[in-house]
Protein backbone atom coordinates (compact mmCIF):
# COMPACT_ATOMS: atom_id res chain seq x y z
CA MET A 1 0.00 0.00 0.00
CA ALA A 2 1.25 3.48 -0.78
CA ILE A 3 1.17 6.62 1.32
CA ARG A 4 -2.03 8.55 0.72
CA ASP A 5 -2.01 12.34 0.58
CA ILE A 6 -5.13 13.59 2.33
CA GLN A 7 -6.62 16.90 3.35
CA SER A 8 -8.92 18.02 6.13
CA ALA A 9 -12.12 16.86 4.43
CA ASP A 10 -10.88 13.25 4.31
CA PHE A 11 -9.11 13.07 7.65
CA ASP A 12 -11.84 11.84 9.98
CA ALA A 13 -13.15 9.24 7.52
CA VAL A 14 -9.68 7.83 6.83
CA VAL A 15 -8.47 7.77 10.44
CA ALA A 16 -11.74 6.59 11.98
CA GLY A 17 -12.29 4.15 9.12
CA SER A 18 -9.04 2.29 9.72
CA PRO A 19 -8.18 0.12 12.73
CA TRP A 20 -4.72 1.71 12.62
CA ALA A 21 -3.59 4.94 10.97
CA ILE A 22 -0.14 6.50 10.76
CA VAL A 23 -0.39 10.20 9.99
CA CYS A 24 2.62 12.27 8.95
CA PHE A 25 2.35 16.05 9.03
CA THR A 26 4.83 17.65 6.62
CA ARG A 27 5.50 20.93 4.94
CA PRO A 28 7.16 21.80 1.63
CA LYS A 29 10.93 22.27 1.58
CA CYS A 30 11.33 20.66 5.01
CA PRO A 31 14.64 18.74 5.04
CA TRP A 32 13.59 16.64 8.05
CA CYS A 33 10.38 15.68 6.26
CA ALA A 34 12.45 14.51 3.31
CA ARG A 35 14.57 12.41 5.66
CA VAL A 36 11.56 10.41 6.91
CA ALA A 37 9.88 10.12 3.49
CA GLU A 38 11.69 6.96 2.35
CA PRO A 39 11.38 5.02 5.63
CA LEU A 40 7.70 5.99 5.77
CA ALA A 41 7.17 4.79 2.18
CA GLU A 42 8.89 1.50 3.04
CA LEU A 43 6.60 1.16 6.05
CA ALA A 44 3.52 1.84 3.92
CA ALA A 45 4.62 -0.90 1.52
CA THR A 46 4.87 -3.49 4.31
CA VAL A 47 1.81 -2.86 6.48
CA SER A 48 -1.50 -4.59 5.94
CA ASP A 49 -4.63 -3.08 4.48
CA ASN A 50 -5.84 -2.52 8.06
CA VAL A 51 -3.27 0.27 8.42
CA ALA A 52 -3.73 3.60 6.66
CA VAL A 53 -0.50 5.53 6.10
CA VAL A 54 -1.25 9.12 5.23
CA LYS A 55 0.60 12.35 4.69
CA ILE A 56 -0.84 15.77 5.39
CA ASP A 57 0.68 18.96 3.99
CA ARG A 58 0.47 21.58 6.71
CA GLU A 59 0.10 24.33 4.14
CA ALA A 60 -2.90 22.63 2.50
CA SER A 61 -4.55 21.70 5.82
CA PRO A 62 -3.53 24.24 8.48
CA GLU A 63 -6.63 23.52 10.56
CA LEU A 64 -5.50 19.91 11.08
CA ALA A 65 -2.06 21.06 12.16
CA GLN A 66 -3.71 23.39 14.63
CA ARG A 67 -6.13 20.67 15.83
CA PHE A 68 -3.17 18.45 16.77
CA SER A 69 -0.89 21.30 17.94
CA VAL A 70 1.68 20.60 15.23
CA ARG A 71 4.37 23.27 15.38
CA SER A 72 7.47 21.48 14.11
CA PHE A 73 7.89 19.08 11.23
CA PRO A 74 7.60 16.27 10.57
CA VAL A 75 5.16 15.03 13.20
CA LEU A 76 4.01 11.43 13.01
CA ILE A 77 0.97 10.26 14.96
CA LEU A 78 -0.21 6.69 15.38
CA PHE A 79 -3.97 6.29 15.77
CA LYS A 80 -5.84 3.16 16.85
CA ASN A 81 -9.56 3.17 16.12
CA GLY A 82 -9.47 6.95 15.74
CA SER A 83 -7.67 7.71 19.02
CA ILE A 84 -4.07 8.85 19.38
CA ARG A 85 -1.87 6.02 20.61
CA GLU A 86 1.68 7.43 20.12
CA ALA A 87 3.48 10.28 18.41
CA SER A 88 6.96 11.27 17.32
CA ALA A 89 8.30 14.63 16.17
CA GLY A 90 11.33 15.63 14.13
CA GLY A 91 13.41 13.79 11.61
CA GLY A 92 16.13 12.56 13.93
CA ASP A 93 17.23 9.02 14.66
CA ASN A 94 14.53 8.56 17.32
CA THR A 95 11.82 9.18 14.75
CA LEU A 96 13.46 6.85 12.25
CA GLU A 97 13.65 4.13 14.92
CA TRP A 98 10.01 4.76 15.80
CA ILE A 99 9.00 4.30 12.16
CA GLU A 100 10.97 1.05 12.06
CA SER A 101 9.19 -0.18 15.20
CA LEU A 102 5.82 0.33 13.52
CA LYS A 103 6.58 -2.46 11.04
CA GLU A 104 5.04 -4.79 13.62
CA LEU A 105 1.73 -3.43 12.33
CA ALA A 106 2.37 -5.45 9.18
CA GLU A 107 0.70 -8.27 11.06
CA ALA A 108 -2.20 -6.13 12.31
């Protein structure tokens, strides 16, 4: 499965409609966002259809960024049945390790 680009209008349906959802808030020209793009794409390719992997452009959906208090980029949020389970911010090694740990959802 590939990463889906969504906007505010689709957010609630996608996140609530999936047992698991991994949401990545990004913004254009963000070097840290570029750093997590490939690992996130690899994750999207390995997880089951029960896991939605989505990307939200902060510039296209500022109200979602505000709703989740996103101030730095990237921010990744793991949802289970529509509720926040975990989150990670930044493009450092901790975030990359967090993305790697989510591969266990391939069995979900």
